[in-house]
Amino acid sequence: MTMHQTIHPQPAKATAKATRAQFMVEDDKAMLRAARDLTKGLGEAKPAIYWTDMLVSAGVGYAGIAVAIVSGSLGVKIAAGLVAALALYRALMFIHELTHIHRDALPGFRTGWNLLVGIPMLTPSFMYEGVHTIHHKRTQYGTVEDPEYLPLALMKPWSLPLFVLVAMLLPVALIVRFGVLYPLGLIVPPLRTFTWERFSSLSINPEFRRKAPEGDFVGRVRWQEAGASLWAVALIASVFVFGWQPLATALVILSLAAVLNQLRTLVAHLWENEGEAMTVTAQFLDSVNVPPPGLAAEIWAPVGLRYHALHHLMPSMPYHDLPEAHRRLARELGTGSTYEGANHPGMAVLVARIAKSTMGTRS
């Protein structure tokens, strides 16, 4: 989840056609039925879990930033910054849940999250709502219309490090977007349109252009955008009151969180589709689960994102129910099943797989 990147698809010379054909598979109807039947009794979002997880994560994150700013010890600054980055990263990932849960399922949670996390981190929920759902559309996943898909495994080798490192600039870009472009857009309509189309969605496809909001969504966009703009202007003004170090410290911490999220994005899919429409099963196999027993994935893919392939089968399943859903499906479908084909051991293996593919050497 990042704002538009400047990386354009440039497929490697070795195109891995056999791999793409592997993913143009017919739907595994037995697996799809199992996903429906075995998860009965799951699927109800539990407010206590959502609120507690989000509030603790945000609280730890902001406390970590405060310690990193005021501490005179470099070691304490680094430790507090790392804790803050991980906690705020987890808090931010609830934006993914907000795009899928029914708007009446968690009363007040969307507003609370925006006030406590989305606006302070200059990533209000409107930047993902109405965008991420396109990624889940049966006929648009993996195509040029998908805002969250690039054939990264088929691009040039240098694309991967650039894809990750460009995320370091995201916090500064967000300050410019809300603190400069939005206020100017209020008096320059063409700039307002340009900003909305290009810089108002958490996407990685540089060809994506966002359509104007409609209906009730217009009101949500207005207050979230205005709130983020006021906060961005306050951050810019803080430099003249408190100096540059507090803001710089916070930006470094948020940059670390953004890079971690970009690494997670890099391994959320295999990125081996070159624009063809895919079946649900093909989309599932192009997505990634990193299930237990490993613990690291719970840190770099929090709030249920370690079950990303399973999420593509059941997008509305609350994050706290995904582990149980996975256990039931893995137990029932067993070794050698289509379901097992989306399970992977960890980030390092996945990064190596994609990197080898860009060099045309993946077996």
Protein backbone atom coordinates (compact mmCIF):
# COMPACT_ATOMS: atom_id res chain seq x y z
CA MET A 1 0.00 0.00 0.00
CA THR A 2 1.74 3.09 -1.21
CA MET A 3 0.81 6.14 -3.21
CA HIS A 4 1.51 5.97 -6.94
CA GLN A 5 5.07 4.95 -7.67
CA THR A 6 7.13 5.99 -10.67
CA ILE A 7 8.04 2.43 -11.57
CA HIS A 8 6.64 1.45 -14.94
CA PRO A 9 6.23 -2.16 -16.04
CA GLN A 10 9.30 -3.28 -18.00
CA PRO A 11 9.13 -7.05 -18.36
CA ALA A 12 12.41 -8.92 -18.25
CA LYS A 13 13.56 -10.63 -21.44
CA ALA A 14 12.86 -14.05 -19.97
CA THR A 15 9.09 -13.78 -19.65
CA ALA A 16 8.31 -16.99 -17.74
CA LYS A 17 5.37 -17.91 -19.96
CA ALA A 18 5.18 -21.36 -18.44
CA THR A 19 4.75 -19.85 -15.00
CA ARG A 20 1.90 -17.63 -16.15
CA ALA A 21 0.22 -20.61 -17.80
CA GLN A 22 0.47 -22.42 -14.50
CA PHE A 23 -1.72 -19.77 -12.94
CA MET A 24 -4.34 -19.73 -15.70
CA VAL A 25 -6.04 -22.67 -14.00
CA GLU A 26 -9.66 -23.63 -13.68
CA ASP A 27 -11.35 -22.99 -10.37
CA ASP A 28 -10.88 -25.67 -7.73
CA LYS A 29 -14.54 -25.97 -6.83
CA ALA A 30 -13.89 -28.36 -3.95
CA MET A 31 -11.59 -25.79 -2.31
CA LEU A 32 -14.08 -22.99 -2.86
CA ARG A 33 -16.88 -25.08 -1.33
CA ALA A 34 -14.65 -25.95 1.62
CA ALA A 35 -13.87 -22.28 2.18
CA ARG A 36 -17.59 -21.64 2.39
CA ASP A 37 -18.67 -24.66 4.39
CA LEU A 38 -15.80 -25.05 6.85
CA THR A 39 -15.84 -21.46 8.01
CA LYS A 40 -19.42 -21.40 9.19
CA GLY A 41 -19.61 -19.80 12.60
CA LEU A 42 -16.78 -17.44 11.78
CA GLY A 43 -16.97 -13.99 10.22
CA GLU A 44 -18.36 -11.74 12.94
CA ALA A 45 -16.15 -8.77 13.70
CA LYS A 46 -15.54 -8.52 17.46
CA PRO A 47 -15.42 -4.86 18.58
CA ALA A 48 -13.41 -5.60 21.73
CA ILE A 49 -10.60 -7.16 19.70
CA TYR A 50 -10.53 -4.42 17.09
CA TRP A 51 -10.60 -1.52 19.55
CA THR A 52 -8.09 -3.03 21.99
CA ASP A 53 -5.61 -3.99 19.27
CA MET A 54 -5.83 -0.65 17.51
CA LEU A 55 -5.66 1.49 20.67
CA VAL A 56 -2.73 -0.41 22.18
CA SER A 57 -0.82 -0.36 18.89
CA ALA A 58 -1.37 3.35 18.38
CA GLY A 59 -0.60 4.17 22.01
CA VAL A 60 2.68 2.24 21.99
CA GLY A 61 3.60 3.81 18.66
CA TYR A 62 3.05 7.40 19.73
CA ALA A 63 4.79 6.78 23.06
CA GLY A 64 7.75 5.40 21.14
CA ILE A 65 7.93 8.51 18.96
CA ALA A 66 7.83 10.72 22.06
CA VAL A 67 10.66 8.79 23.71
CA ALA A 68 12.72 8.88 20.51
CA ILE A 69 12.29 12.66 20.32
CA VAL A 70 13.10 13.56 23.93
CA SER A 71 15.75 10.96 24.79
CA GLY A 72 19.37 12.05 24.83
CA SER A 73 20.66 8.52 24.34
CA LEU A 74 21.20 7.31 20.78
CA GLY A 75 20.58 3.71 21.84
CA VAL A 76 17.27 4.62 23.46
CA LYS A 77 16.29 6.66 20.40
CA ILE A 78 16.95 3.72 18.09
CA ALA A 79 15.14 1.20 20.30
CA ALA A 80 12.14 3.49 20.82
CA GLY A 81 12.04 4.28 17.11
CA LEU A 82 11.98 0.60 16.15
CA VAL A 83 9.18 -0.14 18.61
CA ALA A 84 7.25 2.90 17.40
CA ALA A 85 7.63 1.93 13.73
CA LEU A 86 6.37 -1.61 14.32
CA ALA A 87 3.46 -0.49 16.52
CA LEU A 88 2.32 2.27 14.19
CA TYR A 89 2.68 -0.05 11.22
CA ARG A 90 0.29 -2.47 12.92
CA ALA A 91 -2.12 0.34 13.80
CA LEU A 92 -2.06 1.60 10.21
CA MET A 93 -2.85 -1.84 8.78
CA PHE A 94 -6.37 -1.60 10.18
CA ILE A 95 -7.09 0.51 7.10
CA HIS A 96 -7.22 -2.81 5.25
CA GLU A 97 -9.93 -4.09 7.56
CA LEU A 98 -11.95 -0.89 7.10
CA THR A 99 -12.27 -1.55 3.38
CA HIS A 100 -13.90 -4.94 3.92
CA ILE A 101 -15.99 -4.91 7.09
CA HIS A 102 -19.59 -3.79 6.83
CA ARG A 103 -19.89 -0.15 7.79
CA ASP A 104 -22.35 -1.06 10.57
CA ALA A 105 -20.28 -3.92 12.00
CA LEU A 106 -18.07 -1.82 14.28
CA PRO A 107 -19.93 1.35 15.32
CA GLY A 108 -17.58 4.31 15.56
CA PHE A 109 -14.45 2.33 14.68
CA ARG A 110 -13.90 3.93 11.28
CA THR A 111 -14.20 7.44 12.74
CA GLY A 112 -12.07 6.53 15.76
CA TRP A 113 -9.37 4.99 13.61
CA ASN A 114 -9.24 8.03 11.34
CA LEU A 115 -8.96 10.43 14.27
CA LEU A 116 -6.34 8.40 16.14
CA VAL A 117 -4.33 6.86 13.31
CA GLY A 118 -5.40 7.78 9.78
CA ILE A 119 -5.23 11.58 10.05
CA PRO A 120 -2.17 11.73 12.38
CA MET A 121 -0.30 9.47 9.96
CA LEU A 122 -1.69 11.38 6.96
CA THR A 123 -3.30 8.21 5.61
CA PRO A 124 -7.05 8.62 6.16
CA SER A 125 -9.23 5.70 5.18
CA PHE A 126 -10.59 7.35 2.02
CA MET A 127 -7.20 6.70 0.43
CA TYR A 128 -7.91 2.95 0.51
CA GLU A 129 -11.70 2.70 0.57
CA GLY A 130 -13.08 2.38 -2.93
CA VAL A 131 -9.61 1.54 -4.24
CA HIS A 132 -8.70 -1.75 -2.61
CA THR A 133 -12.05 -3.31 -3.53
CA ILE A 134 -11.08 -3.01 -7.22
CA HIS A 135 -8.14 -5.31 -6.47
CA HIS A 136 -10.64 -7.96 -5.34
CA LYS A 137 -12.89 -7.79 -8.39
CA ARG A 138 -12.90 -11.07 -10.25
CA THR A 139 -12.37 -9.52 -13.70
CA GLN A 140 -9.90 -6.80 -12.69
CA TYR A 141 -7.39 -8.50 -10.41
CA GLY A 142 -3.96 -8.51 -12.02
CA THR A 143 -5.05 -6.48 -15.02
CA VAL A 144 -4.07 -2.93 -15.98
CA GLU A 145 -7.22 -1.75 -14.18
CA ASP A 146 -6.00 -3.14 -10.85
CA PRO A 147 -4.55 -0.27 -8.76
CA GLU A 148 -2.61 -2.72 -6.58
CA TYR A 149 -0.91 -4.93 -9.12
CA LEU A 150 2.29 -4.80 -11.15
CA PRO A 151 4.01 -7.80 -12.80
CA LEU A 152 7.00 -7.31 -10.51
CA ALA A 153 8.34 -10.82 -11.13
CA LEU A 154 8.56 -10.03 -14.85
CA MET A 155 10.21 -6.63 -14.56
CA LYS A 156 13.87 -5.61 -14.65
CA PRO A 157 16.00 -6.61 -11.62
CA TRP A 158 16.59 -3.01 -10.58
CA SER A 159 12.84 -2.50 -10.22
CA LEU A 160 12.65 -4.44 -6.96
CA PRO A 161 15.06 -2.38 -4.82
CA LEU A 162 13.62 0.80 -6.31
CA PHE A 163 10.10 -0.42 -5.50
CA VAL A 164 11.06 -0.83 -1.84
CA LEU A 165 13.32 2.18 -1.36
CA VAL A 166 10.92 4.69 -2.91
CA ALA A 167 8.63 4.04 0.08
CA MET A 168 11.12 5.94 2.24
CA LEU A 169 9.84 9.14 0.66
CA LEU A 170 6.18 8.44 1.41
CA PRO A 171 5.88 10.43 4.68
CA VAL A 172 7.33 13.54 3.04
CA ALA A 173 5.13 13.02 -0.01
CA LEU A 174 2.06 12.83 2.22
CA ILE A 175 2.96 16.12 3.92
CA VAL A 176 3.26 17.76 0.50
CA ARG A 177 0.01 16.18 -0.70
CA PHE A 178 -2.09 17.34 2.27
CA GLY A 179 -0.16 20.38 3.43
CA VAL A 180 0.55 21.98 0.06
CA LEU A 181 -1.38 20.44 -2.85
CA TYR A 182 -4.74 20.20 -1.08
CA PRO A 183 -4.87 23.85 0.11
CA LEU A 184 -3.71 25.09 -3.29
CA GLY A 185 -6.26 22.85 -4.97
CA LEU A 186 -9.05 24.68 -3.16
CA ILE A 187 -8.27 27.75 -5.26
CA VAL A 188 -6.89 26.02 -8.36
CA PRO A 189 -9.49 23.46 -9.54
CA PRO A 190 -7.24 21.76 -12.14
CA LEU A 191 -4.67 21.10 -9.42
CA ARG A 192 -7.42 19.70 -7.21
CA THR A 193 -8.45 17.28 -9.96
CA PHE A 194 -4.85 16.28 -10.64
CA THR A 195 -4.18 15.67 -6.94
CA TRP A 196 -7.31 13.55 -6.54
CA GLU A 197 -6.65 11.43 -9.60
CA ARG A 198 -2.94 10.83 -9.00
CA PHE A 199 -2.24 11.20 -5.27
CA SER A 200 -5.38 10.11 -3.42
CA SER A 201 -5.06 6.35 -3.41
CA LEU A 202 -2.76 3.79 -1.85
CA SER A 203 -1.81 2.02 -5.03
CA ILE A 204 1.26 0.80 -6.89
CA ASN A 205 -0.02 0.89 -10.49
CA PRO A 206 1.23 4.17 -12.03
CA GLU A 207 -1.45 3.99 -14.71
CA PHE A 208 -4.31 4.09 -12.20
CA ARG A 209 -6.45 7.23 -12.17
CA ARG A 210 -8.96 7.60 -9.38
CA LYS A 211 -12.52 8.59 -10.22
CA ALA A 212 -14.29 11.37 -8.36
CA PRO A 213 -16.10 10.30 -5.15
CA GLU A 214 -19.84 9.82 -5.22
CA GLY A 215 -22.77 9.64 -2.80
CA ASP A 216 -22.16 9.39 0.93
CA PHE A 217 -18.47 8.90 0.28
CA VAL A 218 -18.11 12.57 -0.67
CA GLY A 219 -18.82 13.70 2.89
CA ARG A 220 -16.33 11.24 4.38
CA VAL A 221 -13.65 12.36 1.96
CA ARG A 222 -14.20 16.03 2.78
CA TRP A 223 -13.78 15.81 6.54
CA GLN A 224 -10.92 13.33 6.37
CA GLU A 225 -9.07 15.37 3.78
CA ALA A 226 -9.62 18.63 5.65
CA GLY A 227 -8.45 17.06 8.91
CA ALA A 228 -5.32 15.62 7.30
CA SER A 229 -4.59 18.98 5.66
CA LEU A 230 -4.82 20.86 8.97
CA TRP A 231 -2.52 18.33 10.60
CA ALA A 232 0.00 18.50 7.74
CA VAL A 233 0.08 22.30 7.95
CA ALA A 234 0.59 22.03 11.73
CA LEU A 235 3.52 19.66 11.18
CA ILE A 236 5.13 22.09 8.74
CA ALA A 237 4.58 24.97 11.17
CA SER A 238 6.07 22.95 14.04
CA VAL A 239 9.50 23.33 12.49
CA PHE A 240 9.39 27.07 13.20
CA VAL A 241 8.32 26.49 16.81
CA PHE A 242 10.22 23.36 17.93
CA GLY A 243 12.95 23.14 15.32
CA TRP A 244 13.43 20.47 12.68
CA GLN A 245 14.58 17.56 14.87
CA PRO A 246 11.20 16.41 16.32
CA LEU A 247 9.56 16.29 12.89
CA ALA A 248 12.62 14.68 11.32
CA THR A 249 12.65 11.98 14.00
CA ALA A 250 8.97 11.21 13.45
CA LEU A 251 9.45 11.12 9.67
CA VAL A 252 12.34 8.66 9.95
CA ILE A 253 10.18 6.37 12.10
CA LEU A 254 7.26 6.59 9.68
CA SER A 255 9.62 5.99 6.75
CA LEU A 256 10.74 2.77 8.41
CA ALA A 257 7.11 1.70 8.78
CA ALA A 258 6.48 2.56 5.12
CA VAL A 259 9.47 0.50 3.96
CA LEU A 260 8.32 -2.46 6.04
CA ASN A 261 4.87 -2.20 4.48
CA GLN A 262 6.43 -2.03 1.01
CA LEU A 263 8.41 -5.18 1.73
CA ARG A 264 5.19 -6.87 2.81
CA THR A 265 3.54 -5.67 -0.38
CA LEU A 266 6.43 -7.10 -2.39
CA VAL A 267 5.71 -10.59 -1.05
CA ALA A 268 1.90 -10.36 -0.79
CA HIS A 269 1.63 -11.86 -4.29
CA LEU A 270 3.88 -13.73 -6.68
CA TRP A 271 3.29 -10.95 -9.27
CA GLU A 272 3.53 -13.38 -12.19
CA ASN A 273 0.46 -12.29 -14.11
CA GLU A 274 0.97 -10.05 -17.12
CA GLY A 275 -2.49 -8.55 -17.42
CA GLU A 276 -4.76 -11.50 -18.19
CA ALA A 277 -8.04 -11.96 -16.32
CA MET A 278 -7.69 -14.79 -13.80
CA THR A 279 -9.98 -17.30 -12.15
CA VAL A 280 -10.54 -17.08 -8.39
CA THR A 281 -8.26 -20.07 -7.88
CA ALA A 282 -5.56 -18.51 -10.07
CA GLN A 283 -5.79 -15.32 -8.03
CA PHE A 284 -5.50 -17.39 -4.87
CA LEU A 285 -2.35 -19.14 -6.12
CA ASP A 286 -0.84 -15.82 -7.14
CA SER A 287 -1.36 -14.64 -3.55
CA VAL A 288 0.60 -15.63 -0.47
CA ASN A 289 -0.07 -17.22 2.91
CA VAL A 290 2.78 -17.34 5.43
CA PRO A 291 1.15 -19.45 8.14
CA PRO A 292 2.56 -20.58 11.51
CA PRO A 293 4.71 -22.00 13.02
CA GLY A 294 6.93 -19.03 12.13
CA LEU A 295 6.41 -15.96 14.33
CA ALA A 296 8.16 -13.31 12.23
CA ALA A 297 5.26 -13.02 9.76
CA GLU A 298 3.00 -11.81 12.55
CA ILE A 299 5.30 -8.78 12.82
CA TRP A 300 5.86 -7.94 9.15
CA ALA A 301 2.38 -9.02 8.01
CA PRO A 302 0.14 -8.02 10.96
CA VAL A 303 -3.64 -7.80 11.31
CA GLY A 304 -4.24 -11.02 9.38
CA LEU A 305 -2.09 -10.11 6.37
CA ARG A 306 0.03 -13.23 6.80
CA TYR A 307 -3.07 -15.04 5.43
CA HIS A 308 -3.27 -12.88 2.31
CA ALA A 309 -4.16 -15.72 -0.07
CA LEU A 310 -6.92 -16.91 2.26
CA HIS A 311 -8.12 -13.32 2.45
CA HIS A 312 -8.58 -13.37 -1.32
CA LEU A 313 -10.88 -16.35 -0.93
CA MET A 314 -12.87 -14.70 1.88
CA PRO A 315 -12.33 -10.92 1.74
CA SER A 316 -14.91 -10.10 4.40
CA MET A 317 -13.51 -12.50 7.03
CA PRO A 318 -12.33 -10.45 10.07
CA TYR A 319 -8.60 -10.67 10.69
CA HIS A 320 -9.01 -12.34 14.07
CA ASP A 321 -10.87 -15.28 12.48
CA LEU A 322 -8.37 -15.95 9.69
CA PRO A 323 -6.07 -18.18 11.79
CA GLU A 324 -8.94 -20.53 12.68
CA ALA A 325 -10.22 -20.51 9.10
CA HIS A 326 -6.74 -21.46 7.91
CA ARG A 327 -6.47 -24.30 10.43
CA ARG A 328 -9.80 -25.76 9.32
CA LEU A 329 -8.98 -25.58 5.61
CA ALA A 330 -5.43 -26.91 6.00
CA ARG A 331 -6.67 -29.82 8.13
CA GLU A 332 -9.50 -30.74 5.76
CA LEU A 333 -7.77 -30.24 2.40
CA GLY A 334 -4.40 -31.63 3.43
CA THR A 335 -0.97 -31.98 1.88
CA GLY A 336 -0.73 -31.60 -1.88
CA SER A 337 -3.99 -29.67 -2.17
CA THR A 338 -4.52 -26.48 -4.12
CA TYR A 339 -4.90 -24.72 -0.80
CA GLU A 340 -1.42 -25.78 0.30
CA GLY A 341 -0.03 -24.32 -2.95
CA ALA A 342 -0.48 -20.78 -1.64
CA ASN A 343 1.45 -21.43 1.60
CA HIS A 344 5.03 -20.15 1.71
CA PRO A 345 7.72 -20.33 4.41
CA GLY A 346 8.67 -16.66 4.81
CA MET A 347 9.68 -13.29 3.40
CA ALA A 348 13.28 -14.17 2.49
CA VAL A 349 12.25 -17.12 0.33
CA LEU A 350 9.59 -15.07 -1.42
CA VAL A 351 11.91 -12.14 -2.12
CA ALA A 352 14.52 -14.54 -3.51
CA ARG A 353 11.90 -16.16 -5.75
CA ILE A 354 10.78 -12.84 -7.23
CA ALA A 355 14.36 -11.61 -7.59
CA LYS A 356 15.38 -14.75 -9.46
CA SER A 357 12.37 -14.40 -11.73
CA THR A 358 13.41 -10.86 -12.68
CA MET A 359 16.78 -12.25 -13.72
CA GLY A 360 15.17 -15.03 -15.73
CA THR A 361 16.76 -17.76 -13.60
CA ARG A 362 13.91 -18.94 -11.40
CA SER A 363 13.38 -22.67 -11.77
